[in-house]
Amino acid sequence: MKSQIILTLLFISALATVERDSNQEALEGVWSYFNQKGPFTVTKCGTDQDHKDAFLFTGYFLRKADIAQTSEINPLIAEGQQFYNSLPLETRNCFENNQEVIDLGKFLGIDKYTEDDLQNKVSNWVGTHYFVYKRLIKKAGSDWNTWEDYEQTGRDLAELLQGILTDAQEQ
C-alpha cells in the first residue's frame, strides 16, 4: 500500500511539471534559434499553476492566431497582454527581472521600442508579410497543440520575432 501511495505521488508530481518542462523546451528553442546559451533560470519564475496556465494559453493563442485576419492582430496582442497581466505580480517581476530575459531582449534590440511601438511594428509586419506569418504561426501552433515539438515551436516563434524586429521597412 505504501508503494502505491509513493507511485501515485510521483505520478502527480510528474504531471505538475509537464507544463513547466514544455515551456522550458519552447524557450530553449527561442534561445537556440538566436545561438544564445540558455535559458537556465527563466522557468524557475512562477508556480506550477502559472506554468500550466501559460501552457494552456499558448495553445489557445496559437490556434487563435492561426485563424486571425490582419484586422484581428491588435485585439490578439491585447489578449496576450491581458493574460500576462493576469499572472501574479511576483511571477511577472521574476520574469521581467530575469537576467537571461533582459540579455535576450538587449540582443534582439527589443529594449529600444516602447510597448506601443512594438505593437505597431508587429501589426504592420503581419499586414505586409501575411503569408510568412501564416506559415510560421500555423507550424508553431501545430507542433504545440499536437504535443509534438515544443522546442521547434520556440524556433518558429523566434523566426517570426526575428522577421518582425529586423524587417528593413521601418513602420
C-alpha atoms as a PDB file:
ATOM      1  CA  MET A   1       0.000   0.000   0.000  1.00  0.00           C
ATOM      2  CA  LYS A   2       2.831   2.377   0.847  1.00  0.00           C
ATOM      3  CA  SER A   3       4.447   1.822  -2.557  1.00  0.00           C
ATOM      4  CA  GLN A   4       1.147   2.624  -4.322  1.00  0.00           C
ATOM      5  CA  ILE A   5       0.914   5.920  -2.447  1.00  0.00           C
ATOM      6  CA  ILE A   6       4.517   6.769  -3.328  1.00  0.00           C
ATOM      7  CA  LEU A   7       3.944   5.897  -7.007  1.00  0.00           C
ATOM      8  CA  THR A   8       0.756   7.968  -7.059  1.00  0.00           C
ATOM      9  CA  LEU A   9       2.574  10.948  -5.545  1.00  0.00           C
ATOM     10  CA  LEU A  10       5.417  10.592  -8.051  1.00  0.00           C
ATOM     11  CA  PHE A  11       2.913  10.433 -10.925  1.00  0.00           C
ATOM     12  CA  ILE A  12       1.083  13.531  -9.684  1.00  0.00           C
ATOM     13  CA  SER A  13       4.329  15.468  -9.225  1.00  0.00           C
ATOM     14  CA  ALA A  14       5.439  14.471 -12.741  1.00  0.00           C
ATOM     15  CA  LEU A  15       2.169  15.788 -14.167  1.00  0.00           C
ATOM     16  CA  ALA A  16       2.622  19.042 -12.286  1.00  0.00           C
ATOM     17  CA  THR A  17       5.955  19.646 -14.016  1.00  0.00           C
ATOM     18  CA  VAL A  18       4.921  18.645 -17.561  1.00  0.00           C
ATOM     19  CA  GLU A  19       3.831  22.179 -18.427  1.00  0.00           C
ATOM     20  CA  ARG A  20       6.952  23.733 -16.877  1.00  0.00           C
ATOM     21  CA  ASP A  21       9.127  21.310 -18.876  1.00  0.00           C
ATOM     22  CA  SER A  22       7.226  22.051 -22.098  1.00  0.00           C
ATOM     23  CA  ASN A  23       7.571  25.788 -21.519  1.00  0.00           C
ATOM     24  CA  GLN A  24      11.304  25.254 -20.892  1.00  0.00           C
ATOM     25  CA  GLU A  25      11.664  23.344 -24.172  1.00  0.00           C
ATOM     26  CA  ALA A  26       9.935  26.152 -26.084  1.00  0.00           C
ATOM     27  CA  LEU A  27      12.204  28.755 -24.508  1.00  0.00           C
ATOM     28  CA  GLU A  28      15.236  26.624 -25.360  1.00  0.00           C
ATOM     29  CA  GLY A  29      14.045  26.718 -28.968  1.00  0.00           C
ATOM     30  CA  VAL A  30      13.897  30.515 -28.894  1.00  0.00           C
ATOM     31  CA  TRP A  31      17.357  30.848 -27.352  1.00  0.00           C
ATOM     32  CA  SER A  32      18.918  28.251 -29.673  1.00  0.00           C
ATOM     33  CA  TYR A  33      17.444  29.935 -32.765  1.00  0.00           C
ATOM     34  CA  PHE A  34      19.419  33.048 -31.854  1.00  0.00           C
ATOM     35  CA  ASN A  35      22.527  30.975 -30.944  1.00  0.00           C
ATOM     36  CA  GLN A  36      22.281  32.062 -27.338  1.00  0.00           C
ATOM     37  CA  LYS A  37      23.042  29.891 -24.322  1.00  0.00           C
ATOM     38  CA  GLY A  38      20.145  29.148 -22.049  1.00  0.00           C
ATOM     39  CA  PRO A  39      17.684  29.724 -20.729  1.00  0.00           C
ATOM     40  CA  PHE A  40      18.618  28.187 -17.425  1.00  0.00           C
ATOM     41  CA  THR A  41      16.597  30.191 -14.905  1.00  0.00           C
ATOM     42  CA  VAL A  42      13.527  31.617 -16.657  1.00  0.00           C
ATOM     43  CA  THR A  43      11.196  28.715 -15.915  1.00  0.00           C
ATOM     44  CA  LYS A  44      12.015  28.989 -12.229  1.00  0.00           C
ATOM     45  CA  CYS A  45       9.725  32.019 -12.298  1.00  0.00           C
ATOM     46  CA  GLY A  46       6.169  31.205 -11.330  1.00  0.00           C
ATOM     47  CA  THR A  47       4.317  28.357  -9.746  1.00  0.00           C
ATOM     48  CA  ASP A  48       3.337  25.107 -11.420  1.00  0.00           C
ATOM     49  CA  GLN A  49      -0.152  26.608 -11.819  1.00  0.00           C
ATOM     50  CA  ASP A  50       1.321  29.680 -13.558  1.00  0.00           C
ATOM     51  CA  HIS A  51       3.139  27.364 -15.966  1.00  0.00           C
ATOM     52  CA  LYS A  52       0.027  25.309 -16.581  1.00  0.00           C
ATOM     53  CA  ASP A  53      -1.950  28.477 -17.289  1.00  0.00           C
ATOM     54  CA  ALA A  54       0.783  29.752 -19.640  1.00  0.00           C
ATOM     55  CA  PHE A  55       0.983  26.390 -21.402  1.00  0.00           C
ATOM     56  CA  LEU A  56      -2.775  26.263 -21.993  1.00  0.00           C
ATOM     57  CA  PHE A  57      -2.942  29.919 -23.014  1.00  0.00           C
ATOM     58  CA  THR A  58      -0.119  29.412 -25.515  1.00  0.00           C
ATOM     59  CA  GLY A  59      -2.045  26.620 -27.229  1.00  0.00           C
ATOM     60  CA  TYR A  60      -5.216  28.698 -27.301  1.00  0.00           C
ATOM     61  CA  PHE A  61      -3.344  31.790 -28.515  1.00  0.00           C
ATOM     62  CA  LEU A  62      -1.583  29.923 -31.340  1.00  0.00           C
ATOM     63  CA  ARG A  63      -4.884  28.414 -32.524  1.00  0.00           C
ATOM     64  CA  LYS A  64      -6.500  31.831 -32.488  1.00  0.00           C
ATOM     65  CA  ALA A  65      -3.512  33.490 -34.200  1.00  0.00           C
ATOM     66  CA  ASP A  66      -3.626  30.861 -36.932  1.00  0.00           C
ATOM     67  CA  ILE A  67      -7.161  31.833 -37.959  1.00  0.00           C
ATOM     68  CA  ALA A  68      -6.799  35.567 -37.295  1.00  0.00           C
ATOM     69  CA  GLN A  69      -7.098  38.076 -40.095  1.00  0.00           C
ATOM     70  CA  THR A  70      -4.841  41.116 -40.154  1.00  0.00           C
ATOM     71  CA  SER A  71      -7.605  43.239 -38.594  1.00  0.00           C
ATOM     72  CA  GLU A  72      -7.596  40.896 -35.584  1.00  0.00           C
ATOM     73  CA  ILE A  73      -3.884  41.200 -34.777  1.00  0.00           C
ATOM     74  CA  ASN A  74      -4.145  44.169 -32.399  1.00  0.00           C
ATOM     75  CA  PRO A  75      -7.005  42.601 -30.381  1.00  0.00           C
ATOM     76  CA  LEU A  76      -4.987  39.377 -30.260  1.00  0.00           C
ATOM     77  CA  ILE A  77      -1.948  41.247 -28.939  1.00  0.00           C
ATOM     78  CA  ALA A  78      -4.191  42.907 -26.333  1.00  0.00           C
ATOM     79  CA  GLU A  79      -5.477  39.498 -25.284  1.00  0.00           C
ATOM     80  CA  GLY A  80      -1.899  38.279 -24.842  1.00  0.00           C
ATOM     81  CA  GLN A  81      -1.078  41.336 -22.742  1.00  0.00           C
ATOM     82  CA  GLN A  82      -4.210  40.776 -20.668  1.00  0.00           C
ATOM     83  CA  PHE A  83      -3.167  37.185 -19.961  1.00  0.00           C
ATOM     84  CA  TYR A  84       0.349  38.258 -18.987  1.00  0.00           C
ATOM     85  CA  ASN A  85      -1.036  40.953 -16.685  1.00  0.00           C
ATOM     86  CA  SER A  86      -3.305  38.360 -15.061  1.00  0.00           C
ATOM     87  CA  LEU A  87      -0.285  36.412 -13.819  1.00  0.00           C
ATOM     88  CA  PRO A  88       0.700  37.065 -10.209  1.00  0.00           C
ATOM     89  CA  LEU A  89       2.866  40.154  -9.741  1.00  0.00           C
ATOM     90  CA  GLU A  90       5.621  38.032  -8.214  1.00  0.00           C
ATOM     91  CA  THR A  91       5.767  35.879 -11.366  1.00  0.00           C
ATOM     92  CA  ARG A  92       5.832  38.898 -13.687  1.00  0.00           C
ATOM     93  CA  ASN A  93       8.530  40.600 -11.603  1.00  0.00           C
ATOM     94  CA  CYS A  94      10.627  37.440 -11.633  1.00  0.00           C
ATOM     95  CA  PHE A  95      10.347  37.176 -15.413  1.00  0.00           C
ATOM     96  CA  GLU A  96      10.937  40.873 -16.096  1.00  0.00           C
ATOM     97  CA  ASN A  97      13.976  40.981 -13.803  1.00  0.00           C
ATOM     98  CA  ASN A  98      15.455  37.709 -15.044  1.00  0.00           C
ATOM     99  CA  GLN A  99      18.924  38.437 -16.425  1.00  0.00           C
ATOM    100  CA  GLU A 100      18.544  35.915 -19.259  1.00  0.00           C
ATOM    101  CA  VAL A 101      15.356  37.621 -20.435  1.00  0.00           C
ATOM    102  CA  ILE A 102      16.984  41.047 -20.139  1.00  0.00           C
ATOM    103  CA  ASP A 103      20.058  39.884 -22.086  1.00  0.00           C
ATOM    104  CA  LEU A 104      17.978  38.320 -24.872  1.00  0.00           C
ATOM    105  CA  GLY A 105      15.872  41.477 -25.108  1.00  0.00           C
ATOM    106  CA  LYS A 106      19.044  43.570 -25.479  1.00  0.00           C
ATOM    107  CA  PHE A 107      20.448  41.129 -28.045  1.00  0.00           C
ATOM    108  CA  LEU A 108      17.242  41.451 -30.086  1.00  0.00           C
ATOM    109  CA  GLY A 109      17.024  45.210 -29.606  1.00  0.00           C
ATOM    110  CA  ILE A 110      13.571  44.998 -28.050  1.00  0.00           C
ATOM    111  CA  ASP A 111      14.598  47.481 -25.368  1.00  0.00           C
ATOM    112  CA  LYS A 112      14.678  50.283 -27.965  1.00  0.00           C
ATOM    113  CA  TYR A 113      10.910  50.022 -28.515  1.00  0.00           C
ATOM    114  CA  THR A 114       8.065  51.231 -26.357  1.00  0.00           C
ATOM    115  CA  GLU A 115       5.196  48.795 -25.897  1.00  0.00           C
ATOM    116  CA  ASP A 116       3.076  50.785 -28.377  1.00  0.00           C
ATOM    117  CA  ASP A 117       5.924  50.951 -30.922  1.00  0.00           C
ATOM    118  CA  LEU A 118       6.401  47.205 -30.696  1.00  0.00           C
ATOM    119  CA  GLN A 119       2.676  46.541 -31.092  1.00  0.00           C
ATOM    120  CA  ASN A 120       2.569  48.771 -34.169  1.00  0.00           C
ATOM    121  CA  LYS A 121       5.639  47.057 -35.586  1.00  0.00           C
ATOM    122  CA  VAL A 122       4.022  43.629 -35.105  1.00  0.00           C
ATOM    123  CA  SER A 123       0.693  44.575 -36.672  1.00  0.00           C
ATOM    124  CA  ASN A 124       2.363  46.378 -39.597  1.00  0.00           C
ATOM    125  CA  TRP A 125       4.743  43.489 -40.224  1.00  0.00           C
ATOM    126  CA  VAL A 126       1.932  40.936 -40.188  1.00  0.00           C
ATOM    127  CA  GLY A 127      -0.004  43.083 -42.646  1.00  0.00           C
ATOM    128  CA  THR A 128       2.903  43.258 -45.078  1.00  0.00           C
ATOM    129  CA  HIS A 129       4.181  39.690 -44.559  1.00  0.00           C
ATOM    130  CA  TYR A 130       0.899  37.879 -44.053  1.00  0.00           C
ATOM    131  CA  PHE A 131       1.850  34.611 -45.775  1.00  0.00           C
ATOM    132  CA  VAL A 132       5.149  34.311 -43.880  1.00  0.00           C
ATOM    133  CA  TYR A 133       3.243  34.993 -40.659  1.00  0.00           C
ATOM    134  CA  LYS A 134       0.613  32.367 -41.507  1.00  0.00           C
ATOM    135  CA  ARG A 135       3.235  29.725 -42.355  1.00  0.00           C
ATOM    136  CA  LEU A 136       5.178  30.228 -39.122  1.00  0.00           C
ATOM    137  CA  ILE A 137       2.168  30.583 -36.827  1.00  0.00           C
ATOM    138  CA  LYS A 138       0.480  27.524 -38.339  1.00  0.00           C
ATOM    139  CA  LYS A 139       3.635  25.421 -37.875  1.00  0.00           C
ATOM    140  CA  ALA A 140       4.183  26.658 -34.316  1.00  0.00           C
ATOM    141  CA  GLY A 141       0.563  26.019 -33.385  1.00  0.00           C
ATOM    142  CA  SER A 142       0.556  22.577 -34.966  1.00  0.00           C
ATOM    143  CA  ASP A 143       3.655  21.465 -33.055  1.00  0.00           C
ATOM    144  CA  TRP A 144       2.404  22.946 -29.785  1.00  0.00           C
ATOM    145  CA  ASN A 145      -1.175  21.730 -29.939  1.00  0.00           C
ATOM    146  CA  THR A 146      -0.349  18.187 -31.051  1.00  0.00           C
ATOM    147  CA  TRP A 147       2.270  17.871 -28.307  1.00  0.00           C
ATOM    148  CA  GLU A 148       4.911  17.181 -30.914  1.00  0.00           C
ATOM    149  CA  ASP A 149       7.844  19.514 -30.580  1.00  0.00           C
ATOM    150  CA  TYR A 150       7.849  22.422 -28.155  1.00  0.00           C
ATOM    151  CA  GLU A 151      11.443  23.307 -28.964  1.00  0.00           C
ATOM    152  CA  GLN A 152      10.538  23.626 -32.655  1.00  0.00           C
ATOM    153  CA  THR A 153       7.601  25.828 -31.674  1.00  0.00           C
ATOM    154  CA  GLY A 154      10.091  28.090 -29.917  1.00  0.00           C
ATOM    155  CA  ARG A 155      12.313  28.196 -33.007  1.00  0.00           C
ATOM    156  CA  ASP A 156       9.326  29.002 -35.257  1.00  0.00           C
ATOM    157  CA  LEU A 157       8.232  31.814 -32.962  1.00  0.00           C
ATOM    158  CA  ALA A 158      11.827  33.092 -32.781  1.00  0.00           C
ATOM    159  CA  GLU A 159      11.962  33.168 -36.584  1.00  0.00           C
ATOM    160  CA  LEU A 160       8.742  35.164 -36.577  1.00  0.00           C
ATOM    161  CA  LEU A 161      10.154  37.539 -33.960  1.00  0.00           C
ATOM    162  CA  GLN A 162      13.361  37.965 -35.937  1.00  0.00           C
ATOM    163  CA  GLY A 163      11.376  38.817 -39.065  1.00  0.00           C
ATOM    164  CA  ILE A 164       9.377  41.426 -37.204  1.00  0.00           C
ATOM    165  CA  LEU A 165      12.356  43.032 -35.486  1.00  0.00           C
ATOM    166  CA  THR A 166      14.781  43.004 -38.403  1.00  0.00           C
ATOM    167  CA  ASP A 167      12.452  43.966 -41.223  1.00  0.00           C
ATOM    168  CA  ALA A 168      14.166  46.594 -43.343  1.00  0.00           C
ATOM    169  CA  GLN A 169      10.923  48.535 -43.724  1.00  0.00           C
ATOM    170  CA  GLU A 170      10.605  50.647 -40.619  1.00  0.00           C
ATOM    171  CA  GLN A 171       6.935  51.202 -39.940  1.00  0.00           C
END
